[in-house]
Amino acid sequence: MSGRLTLRNVEVEGVGGLDVRLDGGRIAEIGRRLGGGGPELDGAGGALISGLIDHHVHLLALAAQADSVALDGVRDAADLAWRIGAAAAGRSPGAWLRATGYHEGVAGVLGAADLDRLAPRHALRVQHRTGALWMLNSLALGQVLGTEAPPACVELDAVGTPTGRIWRGDDWLCGRIAAAPPPLAPIGHAFAACGVTGLADASVTTDAEAAALLAAAHQAGDLPQRLMLMSAGELTAQLGMTVGPVKVLLDEHDLPDLDGLIGRIAMARRWGRRVAVHCVTAVELAVSLAAFETAGAEPGDRIEHGGVIPPAAIGALKALGLTVVTQPGFVFERGDRYLAEVAADEQDSLYRIASLIRAGVPVAASSDAPYSSPDPWPAIRAATARRTRGGGTIGTWEGVAAAQALSLWLGGFADPGGPSRRVTAGAPADLCLLAGPFAEALADPDAERVAATLIGGEVVFERA
């Protein structure tokens, strides 16, 4: 279906039995028994809401993960060995083998010798689930190092031999591995099946080449969602995408000096862009707040993740007008590790939502996929119940009502955490049709409740 479309018998903002006529990519009219004259879609009484926006995702990394060995949920070293061995068995000797989602709690921080035992005949690289570390076996190291001195991202032991660990070296590593871009159509479909109509790519490595690749996938329909791209450097908008904030990636173990961070904010202002700073730890947040206090914050500046926000920092976030783009899905997916590894007096500061909203800090939600599931609906449940996969809870007072949890995905690209986009005449026809009334969907958030997804008035997903 495309072009003009009339949705029959839908619920809009609590009112059932309505028709919604779409035309030219926008909502043309809402009423009862509207005239047709074109294709129709029976809503069967389901709620029609604005399409969800994932406000922080890494699209190329997610596509690569979909084409890789997933290590999320690996139980122990034996399970790790089985998964790697099973994947290696299906590839020819010498071929590259990529695995993602590893956590050192399984078998420690791996080095080349450890990985040689897992895949001695393949070039194996394993990514830590944070994305900050790649671990390579000897065959893989031999292919990427060459004869020149290794760069600073390559870890060396006491005698100068590479350990197999590469820290924050994505750009260098990708430049050493000749590989075709991963297919984007599978993740475009997966997001559409969840009712997601907009994607904000927060990758610091995005350049003109990556932007062109994503824009081409959008134009081809492989990635039908509207796109907003961040980057560390200058970026030019292309058809099907907008340019978002300048991304600043902080690492507590290698922080820039304050003047350097202030300089990056000033550079973003010269480009006419806002700033989004990666802040997982309390130290990273403190440095970011100090930089914004000196350089000045502007509406649209963002704190990405807000993994740990001490109580004293909430007032500073409010005073500076910063938006927090967080990931409630981490409470569910990683919460049991947090309960085991994070000090009890710090657990209350993890991935806050309700306390920030009460203080007047805008909050938006996202997946951070591939470092968490791209499906927003379990994260909506986690934003409400604050329950871990194992049944524990983290900061239950940070939970919000289900409708407010959903609204964290309904702010626009330009104002995440702002007013929710509404299904109203004149609005873009980026819509999610639910199988049943709104109240039922909120009572049990699940992607299976998404009956259809429309972008620009075109049906990009319809559940059989």
Protein backbone atom coordinates (compact mmCIF):
# COMPACT_ATOMS: atom_id res chain seq x y z
CA MET A 1 0.00 0.00 0.00
CA SER A 2 1.21 3.51 -0.72
CA GLY A 3 -0.10 6.96 -1.60
CA ARG A 4 -3.54 7.77 -0.24
CA LEU A 5 -4.72 5.48 2.51
CA THR A 6 -7.66 5.45 4.92
CA LEU A 7 -7.40 3.62 8.24
CA ARG A 8 -10.81 2.44 9.41
CA ASN A 9 -12.00 1.83 12.95
CA VAL A 10 -9.03 2.95 15.01
CA GLU A 11 -8.69 4.44 18.47
CA VAL A 12 -7.01 7.86 18.64
CA GLU A 13 -6.14 9.34 22.03
CA GLY A 14 -8.75 7.22 23.77
CA VAL A 15 -11.56 7.77 21.28
CA GLY A 16 -12.56 4.62 19.41
CA GLY A 17 -14.34 3.99 16.13
CA LEU A 18 -12.49 6.70 14.19
CA ASP A 19 -11.23 6.81 10.62
CA VAL A 20 -7.92 8.46 9.71
CA ARG A 21 -7.27 9.56 6.14
CA LEU A 22 -3.67 9.90 4.99
CA ASP A 23 -2.55 11.83 1.95
CA GLY A 24 0.81 13.14 0.75
CA GLY A 25 2.68 11.58 3.65
CA ARG A 26 0.60 13.39 6.27
CA ILE A 27 -2.57 12.92 8.28
CA ALA A 28 -5.23 14.69 6.21
CA GLU A 29 -8.34 14.11 8.30
CA ILE A 30 -9.64 12.34 11.41
CA GLY A 31 -13.34 11.63 11.90
CA ARG A 32 -16.12 9.10 11.63
CA ARG A 33 -17.22 7.45 8.40
CA LEU A 34 -14.80 9.45 6.27
CA GLY A 35 -15.01 9.20 2.50
CA GLY A 36 -12.56 6.82 0.92
CA GLY A 37 -11.65 6.62 -2.72
CA GLY A 38 -8.36 4.80 -2.21
CA PRO A 39 -6.81 1.85 -0.37
CA GLU A 40 -8.08 1.11 3.12
CA LEU A 41 -6.65 -0.64 6.16
CA ASP A 42 -8.94 -2.07 8.84
CA GLY A 43 -7.64 -1.08 12.26
CA ALA A 44 -10.03 -3.52 14.00
CA GLY A 45 -10.41 -1.11 16.91
CA GLY A 46 -6.69 -0.90 17.60
CA ALA A 47 -4.99 2.21 18.95
CA LEU A 48 -3.17 4.43 16.47
CA ILE A 49 -0.16 6.21 17.99
CA SER A 50 2.81 8.11 16.65
CA GLY A 51 5.67 5.91 15.53
CA LEU A 52 8.41 5.38 18.08
CA ILE A 53 11.85 6.99 17.75
CA ASP A 54 14.97 5.24 19.05
CA HIS A 55 16.99 8.25 20.17
CA HIS A 56 20.39 6.53 20.44
CA VAL A 57 21.39 3.60 18.26
CA HIS A 58 24.43 2.46 16.27
CA LEU A 59 23.07 1.23 12.96
CA LEU A 60 26.14 -0.13 11.20
CA ALA A 61 27.32 -1.86 14.37
CA LEU A 62 23.84 -3.34 14.81
CA ALA A 63 23.82 -4.58 11.22
CA ALA A 64 27.26 -6.10 11.72
CA GLN A 65 26.12 -7.77 14.93
CA ALA A 66 23.18 -9.33 13.10
CA ASP A 67 25.78 -10.86 10.80
CA SER A 68 27.95 -12.04 13.72
CA VAL A 69 28.10 -14.56 16.56
CA ALA A 70 26.03 -13.21 19.46
CA LEU A 71 27.61 -13.80 22.87
CA ASP A 72 24.89 -12.18 24.97
CA GLY A 73 23.69 -14.71 27.50
CA VAL A 74 26.80 -16.90 27.33
CA ARG A 75 26.88 -18.78 30.63
CA ASP A 76 30.52 -19.78 31.09
CA ALA A 77 33.79 -20.55 29.33
CA ALA A 78 32.49 -23.89 28.03
CA ASP A 79 29.43 -22.24 26.51
CA LEU A 80 31.67 -19.60 24.93
CA ALA A 81 33.88 -22.28 23.39
CA TRP A 82 30.85 -24.13 22.02
CA ARG A 83 29.38 -21.02 20.36
CA ILE A 84 32.66 -19.98 18.75
CA GLY A 85 33.37 -23.54 17.65
CA ALA A 86 29.91 -23.94 16.11
CA ALA A 87 30.29 -20.71 14.14
CA ALA A 88 33.81 -21.59 12.99
CA ALA A 89 32.64 -24.97 11.73
CA GLY A 90 30.52 -23.25 9.10
CA ARG A 91 33.34 -21.11 7.67
CA SER A 92 36.37 -21.93 5.61
CA PRO A 93 39.80 -21.91 7.35
CA GLY A 94 41.38 -18.46 7.41
CA ALA A 95 38.03 -16.65 7.17
CA TRP A 96 37.17 -13.84 9.56
CA LEU A 97 34.88 -14.69 12.45
CA ARG A 98 33.25 -11.83 14.39
CA ALA A 99 31.59 -12.19 17.80
CA THR A 100 29.89 -9.47 19.85
CA GLY A 101 28.35 -8.92 23.26
CA TYR A 102 31.11 -10.52 25.36
CA HIS A 103 31.43 -9.77 29.08
CA GLU A 104 34.56 -10.50 31.08
CA GLY A 105 32.45 -12.20 33.75
CA VAL A 106 32.31 -15.24 31.45
CA ALA A 107 36.03 -16.00 31.17
CA GLY A 108 37.95 -12.82 31.98
CA VAL A 109 39.39 -10.24 29.60
CA LEU A 110 40.56 -12.37 26.69
CA GLY A 111 43.91 -12.16 24.95
CA ALA A 112 45.32 -13.62 21.74
CA ALA A 113 46.34 -16.91 23.38
CA ASP A 114 42.86 -17.42 24.85
CA LEU A 115 41.23 -16.85 21.48
CA ASP A 116 43.76 -19.07 19.67
CA ARG A 117 42.40 -21.97 21.68
CA LEU A 118 38.84 -21.13 20.65
CA ALA A 119 39.45 -20.67 16.91
CA PRO A 120 43.01 -21.58 15.88
CA ARG A 121 42.18 -21.75 12.14
CA HIS A 122 40.13 -18.57 11.80
CA ALA A 123 40.79 -14.84 12.19
CA LEU A 124 38.68 -14.29 15.31
CA ARG A 125 37.75 -10.93 16.79
CA VAL A 126 35.49 -10.59 19.82
CA GLN A 127 33.89 -7.30 20.87
CA HIS A 128 33.24 -6.44 24.49
CA ARG A 129 29.60 -5.57 25.07
CA THR A 130 30.49 -1.94 25.84
CA GLY A 131 31.97 -1.56 22.35
CA ALA A 132 35.18 -0.12 23.83
CA LEU A 133 37.34 -3.23 23.41
CA TRP A 134 38.11 -5.68 20.64
CA MET A 135 39.99 -8.91 21.44
CA LEU A 136 41.82 -10.63 18.55
CA ASN A 137 43.51 -13.99 18.19
CA SER A 138 46.98 -14.38 16.66
CA LEU A 139 45.74 -15.00 13.12
CA ALA A 140 43.60 -11.87 13.23
CA LEU A 141 46.44 -9.82 14.74
CA GLY A 142 48.78 -10.95 12.00
CA GLN A 143 46.35 -9.71 9.36
CA VAL A 144 45.80 -6.23 10.85
CA LEU A 145 49.16 -5.25 12.32
CA GLY A 146 51.45 -5.25 9.30
CA THR A 147 55.08 -4.28 9.70
CA GLU A 148 54.80 -0.72 11.05
CA ALA A 149 54.68 0.14 14.75
CA PRO A 150 51.23 -0.50 16.20
CA PRO A 151 49.10 2.54 17.08
CA ALA A 152 48.25 3.53 20.64
CA CYS A 153 44.94 1.65 20.60
CA VAL A 154 46.81 -1.69 20.38
CA GLU A 155 47.66 -2.91 23.88
CA LEU A 156 51.23 -4.17 24.42
CA ASP A 157 52.60 -6.33 27.21
CA ALA A 158 55.69 -5.53 29.30
CA VAL A 159 58.06 -6.55 26.51
CA GLY A 160 56.19 -4.77 23.72
CA THR A 161 54.26 -7.72 22.28
CA PRO A 162 50.61 -7.09 21.27
CA THR A 163 48.24 -8.79 23.72
CA GLY A 164 45.39 -9.06 21.24
CA ARG A 165 43.39 -6.32 22.95
CA ILE A 166 42.48 -3.16 21.00
CA TRP A 167 40.94 -0.28 22.95
CA ARG A 168 38.75 2.33 21.23
CA GLY A 169 40.28 1.34 17.91
CA ASP A 170 37.22 0.85 15.70
CA ASP A 171 38.35 3.24 12.96
CA TRP A 172 41.85 1.76 12.76
CA LEU A 173 40.59 -1.81 12.88
CA CYS A 174 37.93 -1.30 10.22
CA GLY A 175 40.53 0.28 7.97
CA ARG A 176 42.60 -2.90 8.27
CA ILE A 177 39.82 -5.34 7.52
CA ALA A 178 38.48 -5.37 3.98
CA ALA A 179 34.82 -6.28 4.29
CA ALA A 180 31.58 -5.47 2.49
CA PRO A 181 29.13 -3.30 4.45
CA PRO A 182 26.68 -5.41 6.44
CA PRO A 183 23.12 -5.69 5.10
CA LEU A 184 20.77 -3.08 6.56
CA ALA A 185 17.42 -4.44 5.36
CA PRO A 186 17.11 -7.00 8.21
CA ILE A 187 17.44 -4.37 10.92
CA GLY A 188 15.17 -1.95 9.05
CA HIS A 189 12.50 -4.65 9.06
CA ALA A 190 13.13 -5.52 12.71
CA PHE A 191 12.66 -1.91 13.82
CA ALA A 192 9.52 -1.55 11.68
CA ALA A 193 8.08 -4.70 13.29
CA CYS A 194 8.43 -2.92 16.65
CA GLY A 195 6.65 0.24 15.49
CA VAL A 196 9.85 2.28 15.22
CA THR A 197 9.69 4.98 12.54
CA GLY A 198 12.75 7.09 13.44
CA LEU A 199 16.36 6.28 14.30
CA ALA A 200 18.97 8.60 15.79
CA ASP A 201 22.40 7.15 15.05
CA ALA A 202 24.79 8.20 17.81
CA SER A 203 28.01 6.78 16.37
CA VAL A 204 31.03 9.01 16.89
CA THR A 205 32.69 7.40 13.85
CA THR A 206 30.05 8.47 11.32
CA ASP A 207 31.66 10.24 8.37
CA ALA A 208 30.54 11.17 4.85
CA GLU A 209 31.00 7.59 3.63
CA ALA A 210 28.93 6.06 6.44
CA ALA A 211 26.26 8.76 6.04
CA ALA A 212 26.05 8.04 2.30
CA LEU A 213 25.68 4.32 2.99
CA LEU A 214 22.83 4.88 5.44
CA ALA A 215 21.13 7.44 3.21
CA ALA A 216 21.30 5.04 0.26
CA ALA A 217 19.77 2.26 2.36
CA HIS A 218 16.95 4.62 3.31
CA GLN A 219 16.30 5.65 -0.28
CA ALA A 220 16.29 2.00 -1.38
CA GLY A 221 13.73 1.14 1.31
CA ASP A 222 16.10 -1.20 3.14
CA LEU A 223 16.12 1.21 6.09
CA PRO A 224 12.71 2.92 5.78
CA GLN A 225 12.95 4.82 9.08
CA ARG A 226 13.66 8.53 9.12
CA LEU A 227 17.28 9.08 10.15
CA MET A 228 19.14 11.58 12.28
CA LEU A 229 22.93 11.13 12.36
CA MET A 230 25.43 12.36 14.92
CA SER A 231 29.16 12.54 14.25
CA ALA A 232 32.41 13.75 15.78
CA GLY A 233 33.26 15.86 12.73
CA GLU A 234 31.45 17.92 10.15
CA LEU A 235 28.59 16.22 8.34
CA THR A 236 26.34 17.24 5.47
CA ALA A 237 22.67 16.29 5.36
CA GLN A 238 21.64 13.93 2.58
CA LEU A 239 18.27 12.88 1.23
CA GLY A 240 16.39 10.95 3.88
CA MET A 241 18.48 12.09 6.85
CA THR A 242 19.12 15.08 9.07
CA VAL A 243 22.32 16.03 10.89
CA GLY A 244 22.13 15.86 14.68
CA PRO A 245 24.42 16.88 17.54
CA VAL A 246 28.19 16.57 17.56
CA LYS A 247 28.98 13.41 19.52
CA VAL A 248 31.67 13.56 22.19
CA LEU A 249 32.83 10.19 23.49
CA LEU A 250 34.28 10.29 27.00
CA ASP A 251 36.22 7.46 28.61
CA GLU A 252 36.87 7.78 32.34
CA HIS A 253 40.25 6.06 31.89
CA ASP A 254 41.40 8.54 29.22
CA LEU A 255 39.55 11.80 29.78
CA PRO A 256 40.39 14.90 27.74
CA ASP A 257 41.44 17.97 29.69
CA LEU A 258 38.63 20.38 30.47
CA ASP A 259 39.87 22.97 27.98
CA GLY A 260 39.86 20.33 25.26
CA LEU A 261 36.25 19.39 25.98
CA ILE A 262 35.24 23.06 26.07
CA GLY A 263 36.95 23.44 22.70
CA ARG A 264 34.87 20.61 21.24
CA ILE A 265 31.69 22.30 22.41
CA ALA A 266 32.84 25.56 20.82
CA MET A 267 33.59 23.72 17.56
CA ALA A 268 30.05 22.30 17.51
CA ARG A 269 28.67 25.80 17.94
CA ARG A 270 30.68 27.02 14.95
CA TRP A 271 29.05 24.27 12.91
CA GLY A 272 25.63 25.34 14.16
CA ARG A 273 25.07 22.07 16.01
CA ARG A 274 24.22 20.90 19.50
CA VAL A 275 26.39 18.55 21.58
CA ALA A 276 25.74 15.02 22.83
CA VAL A 277 28.23 13.73 25.42
CA HIS A 278 28.66 10.05 26.26
CA CYS A 279 28.41 9.81 30.07
CA VAL A 280 28.22 6.37 31.64
CA THR A 281 30.06 7.05 34.90
CA ALA A 282 29.72 9.72 37.57
CA VAL A 283 33.20 11.03 36.73
CA GLU A 284 32.35 11.42 33.04
CA LEU A 285 29.17 13.26 34.00
CA ALA A 286 31.03 15.59 36.37
CA VAL A 287 33.54 16.53 33.66
CA SER A 288 30.72 17.11 31.17
CA LEU A 289 28.78 19.35 33.53
CA ALA A 290 31.90 21.40 34.26
CA ALA A 291 32.51 21.87 30.53
CA PHE A 292 28.92 22.93 29.85
CA GLU A 293 28.98 25.33 32.79
CA THR A 294 32.00 27.05 31.26
CA ALA A 295 31.14 26.83 27.56
CA GLY A 296 27.41 27.34 28.02
CA ALA A 297 24.65 24.85 27.24
CA GLU A 298 21.95 25.31 24.63
CA PRO A 299 18.54 23.68 24.26
CA GLY A 300 19.08 20.35 22.55
CA ASP A 301 22.42 19.58 24.22
CA ARG A 302 22.33 16.03 25.54
CA ILE A 303 23.81 13.67 28.07
CA GLU A 304 23.87 10.22 26.51
CA HIS A 305 23.19 7.25 28.82
CA GLY A 306 23.32 8.93 32.23
CA GLY A 307 24.40 5.52 33.53
CA VAL A 308 25.22 6.95 36.96
CA ILE A 309 23.69 10.27 37.99
CA PRO A 310 24.45 11.15 41.64
CA PRO A 311 21.70 13.10 43.43
CA ALA A 312 23.82 16.26 43.49
CA ALA A 313 24.07 16.27 39.68
CA ILE A 314 20.31 16.44 39.08
CA GLY A 315 20.08 20.13 39.93
CA ALA A 316 23.01 20.94 37.63
CA LEU A 317 21.34 19.08 34.74
CA LYS A 318 18.17 21.10 35.31
CA ALA A 319 20.01 24.41 35.62
CA LEU A 320 21.91 23.81 32.38
CA GLY A 321 18.80 22.68 30.51
CA LEU A 322 20.42 19.42 29.40
CA THR A 323 18.41 16.47 28.11
CA VAL A 324 19.23 12.95 29.31
CA VAL A 325 18.88 10.18 26.71
CA THR A 326 18.89 6.99 28.73
CA GLN A 327 18.42 3.22 28.26
CA PRO A 328 15.90 1.66 30.66
CA GLY A 329 16.40 -1.64 28.84
CA PHE A 330 19.77 -1.97 30.57
CA VAL A 331 17.93 -2.33 33.90
CA PHE A 332 16.30 -5.48 32.56
CA GLU A 333 19.17 -6.87 30.49
CA ARG A 334 22.12 -6.02 32.76
CA GLY A 335 20.39 -5.41 36.07
CA ASP A 336 21.43 -8.68 37.69
CA ARG A 337 25.10 -7.84 37.05
CA TYR A 338 24.53 -4.34 38.45
CA LEU A 339 23.03 -5.81 41.60
CA ALA A 340 26.06 -8.10 41.98
CA GLU A 341 28.81 -5.67 40.99
CA VAL A 342 27.68 -2.10 41.77
CA ALA A 343 27.94 -0.84 45.33
CA ALA A 344 24.55 -0.80 47.04
CA ASP A 345 24.70 2.95 47.73
CA GLU A 346 25.29 3.64 44.02
CA GLN A 347 22.53 1.41 42.64
CA ASP A 348 19.93 4.11 43.29
CA SER A 349 21.74 6.37 40.81
CA LEU A 350 21.61 3.91 37.89
CA TYR A 351 19.68 4.93 34.78
CA ARG A 352 17.39 7.37 36.51
CA ILE A 353 14.05 8.40 35.00
CA ALA A 354 11.39 9.53 37.50
CA SER A 355 13.66 11.68 39.69
CA LEU A 356 14.93 13.53 36.61
CA ILE A 357 11.42 14.17 35.30
CA ARG A 358 10.27 15.39 38.73
CA ALA A 359 13.19 17.83 38.74
CA GLY A 360 12.25 19.15 35.31
CA VAL A 361 15.05 17.45 33.36
CA PRO A 362 13.88 16.29 29.91
CA VAL A 363 14.33 12.53 29.50
CA ALA A 364 14.18 10.45 26.32
CA ALA A 365 14.75 6.75 25.87
CA SER A 366 16.68 4.62 23.45
CA SER A 367 18.16 1.17 22.99
CA ASP A 368 21.88 1.83 22.39
CA ALA A 369 21.60 -1.18 20.08
CA PRO A 370 23.58 -3.32 19.45
CA TYR A 371 24.66 -3.01 23.08
CA SER A 372 21.07 -3.71 24.11
CA SER A 373 18.05 -5.13 22.34
CA PRO A 374 16.62 -2.85 19.62
CA ASP A 375 13.09 -3.85 20.69
CA PRO A 376 11.69 -0.89 22.70
CA TRP A 377 8.81 -2.75 24.32
CA PRO A 378 10.77 -4.69 26.99
CA ALA A 379 12.51 -1.40 27.78
CA ILE A 380 9.11 0.27 28.23
CA ARG A 381 8.25 -2.45 30.75
CA ALA A 382 11.60 -1.89 32.49
CA ALA A 383 11.01 1.86 32.68
CA THR A 384 7.82 1.07 34.59
CA ALA A 385 8.71 -1.91 36.78
CA ARG A 386 12.52 -1.45 37.03
CA ARG A 387 12.77 -5.23 37.12
CA THR A 388 15.83 -7.24 36.09
CA ARG A 389 15.81 -10.38 33.98
CA GLY A 390 16.34 -12.45 37.13
CA GLY A 391 13.41 -10.83 38.94
CA GLY A 392 15.31 -8.33 41.08
CA THR A 393 14.59 -4.61 41.12
CA ILE A 394 16.76 -1.52 40.80
CA GLY A 395 15.52 1.84 42.01
CA THR A 396 11.79 1.09 41.87
CA TRP A 397 11.11 4.75 42.73
CA GLU A 398 12.68 5.64 39.37
CA GLY A 399 9.84 3.82 37.58
CA VAL A 400 7.19 5.82 35.76
CA ALA A 401 3.63 5.04 34.66
CA ALA A 402 3.35 3.02 31.45
CA ALA A 403 1.99 5.93 29.38
CA GLN A 404 4.91 8.11 30.45
CA ALA A 405 7.35 5.28 29.75
CA LEU A 406 6.03 5.04 26.17
CA SER A 407 6.27 8.83 25.79
CA LEU A 408 10.04 8.59 26.22
CA TRP A 409 10.10 7.22 22.65
CA LEU A 410 7.62 9.77 21.26
CA GLY A 411 9.60 13.02 21.35
CA GLY A 412 10.88 14.36 18.05
CA PHE A 413 14.44 14.33 16.76
CA ALA A 414 14.84 18.01 17.56
CA ASP A 415 13.35 17.75 21.04
CA PRO A 416 13.88 14.32 22.60
CA GLY A 417 12.26 14.33 26.00
CA GLY A 418 9.92 17.11 24.85
CA PRO A 419 6.20 16.88 24.10
CA SER A 420 5.05 13.65 22.50
CA ARG A 421 4.22 13.76 18.82
CA ARG A 422 0.45 13.39 18.38
CA VAL A 423 -1.87 11.77 15.88
CA THR A 424 -3.51 14.93 14.60
CA ALA A 425 -4.45 16.45 11.27
CA GLY A 426 -1.41 17.87 9.48
CA ALA A 427 1.12 15.75 11.35
CA PRO A 428 3.49 13.45 9.43
CA ALA A 429 1.93 10.03 8.87
CA ASP A 430 4.63 8.17 10.82
CA LEU A 431 2.35 5.86 12.75
CA CYS A 432 2.14 2.68 14.77
CA LEU A 433 -1.14 0.73 14.72
CA LEU A 434 -1.60 -1.50 17.75
CA ALA A 435 -3.63 -4.69 17.88
CA GLY A 436 -6.12 -3.59 20.52
CA PRO A 437 -6.93 -0.53 22.61
CA PHE A 438 -4.20 1.68 24.05
CA ALA A 439 -4.92 0.61 27.64
CA GLU A 440 -4.36 -3.06 26.75
CA ALA A 441 -1.04 -2.30 25.08
CA LEU A 442 0.17 -0.38 28.12
CA ALA A 443 -0.90 -3.14 30.47
CA ASP A 444 1.35 -5.62 28.64
CA PRO A 445 3.88 -3.85 26.36
CA ASP A 446 5.01 -6.25 23.64
CA ALA A 447 6.13 -5.87 20.03
CA GLU A 448 3.60 -8.56 19.11
CA ARG A 449 0.94 -5.91 19.69
CA VAL A 450 2.24 -3.87 16.75
CA ALA A 451 -0.20 -4.60 13.94
CA ALA A 452 1.25 -2.22 11.35
CA THR A 453 3.84 0.51 10.98
CA LEU A 454 3.54 3.41 8.53
CA ILE A 455 6.21 5.93 7.52
CA GLY A 456 5.18 8.89 5.42
CA GLY A 457 1.79 7.26 4.99
CA GLU A 458 3.25 4.07 3.49
CA VAL A 459 2.85 0.71 5.19
CA VAL A 460 6.36 -0.59 5.88
CA PHE A 461 5.25 -3.42 8.15
CA GLU A 462 2.00 -5.32 8.57
CA ARG A 463 1.68 -8.30 10.85
CA ALA A 464 0.11 -11.30 9.20
